[in-house]
Amino acid sequence: MRHIPVVAGLAYRDRVARLPSQFTVTLKPEPENRFNHRAVAVLVNGEKVGYLPPEISRRYFRADSVTVECTGHRAPASAVEDTGVMILIDPDSCPPELADDVE
């Protein structure tokens, strides 16, 4: 199954733990991010829960700050243990320019 992993550090663990199994994510460009000027934040109900991985965000980032919505879900426990990824985004629910970057 294809999916887009969300990078969510310890700072977001509590927010992610409160999420239902499936939800809508908002992808928001974050050009002011001091670590990645092409960062794309992942928000759920207005709360930041992580970021798109840099290899995807740099392809997807648009300077016009347009936000988009996609379907997300919590990753299975095995994925969290193996990779640390806690959220997965369904690329078929995203705009084509994002979904095309995921294989």
Protein backbone atom coordinates (compact mmCIF):
# COMPACT_ATOMS: atom_id res chain seq x y z
CA MET A 1 0.00 0.00 0.00
CA ARG A 2 1.31 3.43 -0.91
CA HIS A 3 1.40 6.09 1.76
CA ILE A 4 3.18 9.29 2.72
CA PRO A 5 4.86 9.10 6.14
CA VAL A 6 4.66 12.12 8.43
CA VAL A 7 7.74 13.04 10.42
CA ALA A 8 6.47 13.66 13.95
CA GLY A 9 9.03 14.12 16.71
CA LEU A 10 8.57 13.77 20.43
CA ALA A 11 7.08 17.27 20.62
CA TYR A 12 3.98 16.02 18.78
CA ARG A 13 3.60 12.57 20.38
CA ASP A 14 0.78 13.63 22.75
CA ARG A 15 -1.17 15.34 19.95
CA VAL A 16 -0.87 12.29 17.72
CA ALA A 17 -1.96 9.97 20.54
CA ARG A 18 -5.24 11.91 20.85
CA LEU A 19 -6.14 11.51 17.18
CA PRO A 20 -8.83 9.10 16.00
CA SER A 21 -7.81 6.29 13.65
CA GLN A 22 -8.67 8.36 10.53
CA PHE A 23 -8.76 12.14 10.12
CA THR A 24 -8.25 15.01 7.68
CA VAL A 25 -4.82 16.63 7.56
CA THR A 26 -4.03 20.09 6.26
CA LEU A 27 -0.68 20.53 4.54
CA LYS A 28 0.67 24.03 5.00
CA PRO A 29 3.91 25.40 3.54
CA GLU A 30 6.15 26.85 6.24
CA PRO A 31 8.78 29.03 4.47
CA GLU A 32 9.82 30.64 7.76
CA ASN A 33 11.05 27.28 9.12
CA ARG A 34 14.69 27.82 10.04
CA PHE A 35 15.70 24.21 9.39
CA ASN A 36 13.98 23.68 6.03
CA HIS A 37 12.83 26.66 3.97
CA ARG A 38 10.65 24.32 1.94
CA ALA A 39 9.03 22.68 4.96
CA VAL A 40 5.42 21.55 4.77
CA ALA A 41 3.72 21.31 8.16
CA VAL A 42 1.00 18.72 8.78
CA LEU A 43 -1.93 20.01 10.86
CA VAL A 44 -5.00 18.28 12.25
CA ASN A 45 -7.77 20.52 13.56
CA GLY A 46 -5.37 23.46 13.46
CA GLU A 47 -2.72 21.72 15.61
CA LYS A 48 0.66 20.85 14.13
CA VAL A 49 1.37 17.12 14.37
CA GLY A 50 4.50 16.90 12.20
CA TYR A 51 6.01 17.58 8.79
CA LEU A 52 6.24 15.98 5.38
CA PRO A 53 9.65 14.35 4.95
CA PRO A 54 12.15 16.78 3.33
CA GLU A 55 12.49 14.66 0.18
CA ILE A 56 8.75 15.06 -0.44
CA SER A 57 8.27 18.59 0.85
CA ARG A 58 10.99 20.07 -1.37
CA ARG A 59 9.18 18.67 -4.44
CA TYR A 60 5.77 19.73 -3.21
CA PHE A 61 6.49 23.08 -1.55
CA ARG A 62 4.76 26.01 -3.22
CA ALA A 63 5.77 29.52 -2.28
CA ASP A 64 2.20 30.76 -2.69
CA SER A 65 1.37 29.22 0.72
CA VAL A 66 -1.64 27.33 -0.59
CA THR A 67 -2.90 24.76 1.90
CA VAL A 68 -4.40 21.43 0.84
CA GLU A 69 -6.32 18.72 2.63
CA CYS A 70 -5.72 14.97 2.51
CA THR A 71 -6.87 11.93 4.45
CA GLY A 72 -4.55 10.70 7.18
CA HIS A 73 -4.60 7.82 9.60
CA ARG A 74 -2.59 6.60 12.54
CA ALA A 75 0.13 4.15 11.60
CA PRO A 76 -0.10 0.59 12.91
CA ALA A 77 1.90 -0.16 16.05
CA SER A 78 4.36 -2.26 14.05
CA ALA A 79 5.22 0.73 11.83
CA VAL A 80 5.72 2.96 14.85
CA GLU A 81 8.07 0.40 16.41
CA ASP A 82 10.01 -0.23 13.18
CA THR A 83 10.22 3.30 11.76
CA GLY A 84 8.94 5.76 14.35
CA VAL A 85 6.33 6.96 11.84
CA MET A 86 3.07 7.64 13.69
CA ILE A 87 0.91 9.13 10.90
CA LEU A 88 0.41 8.07 7.29
CA ILE A 89 -1.25 10.15 4.56
CA ASP A 90 -3.26 8.56 1.76
CA PRO A 91 -1.71 9.97 -1.45
CA ASP A 92 -4.85 9.20 -3.47
CA SER A 93 -6.69 11.79 -1.37
CA CYS A 94 -4.06 14.48 -2.09
CA PRO A 95 -3.56 16.79 -5.07
CA PRO A 96 -1.87 15.00 -8.00
CA GLU A 97 1.43 16.87 -7.65
CA LEU A 98 1.90 15.35 -4.19
CA ALA A 99 0.58 11.88 -4.95
CA ASP A 100 2.86 11.60 -8.00
CA ASP A 101 5.95 11.94 -5.78
CA VAL A 102 5.18 8.80 -3.80
CA GLU A 103 5.96 5.35 -5.16
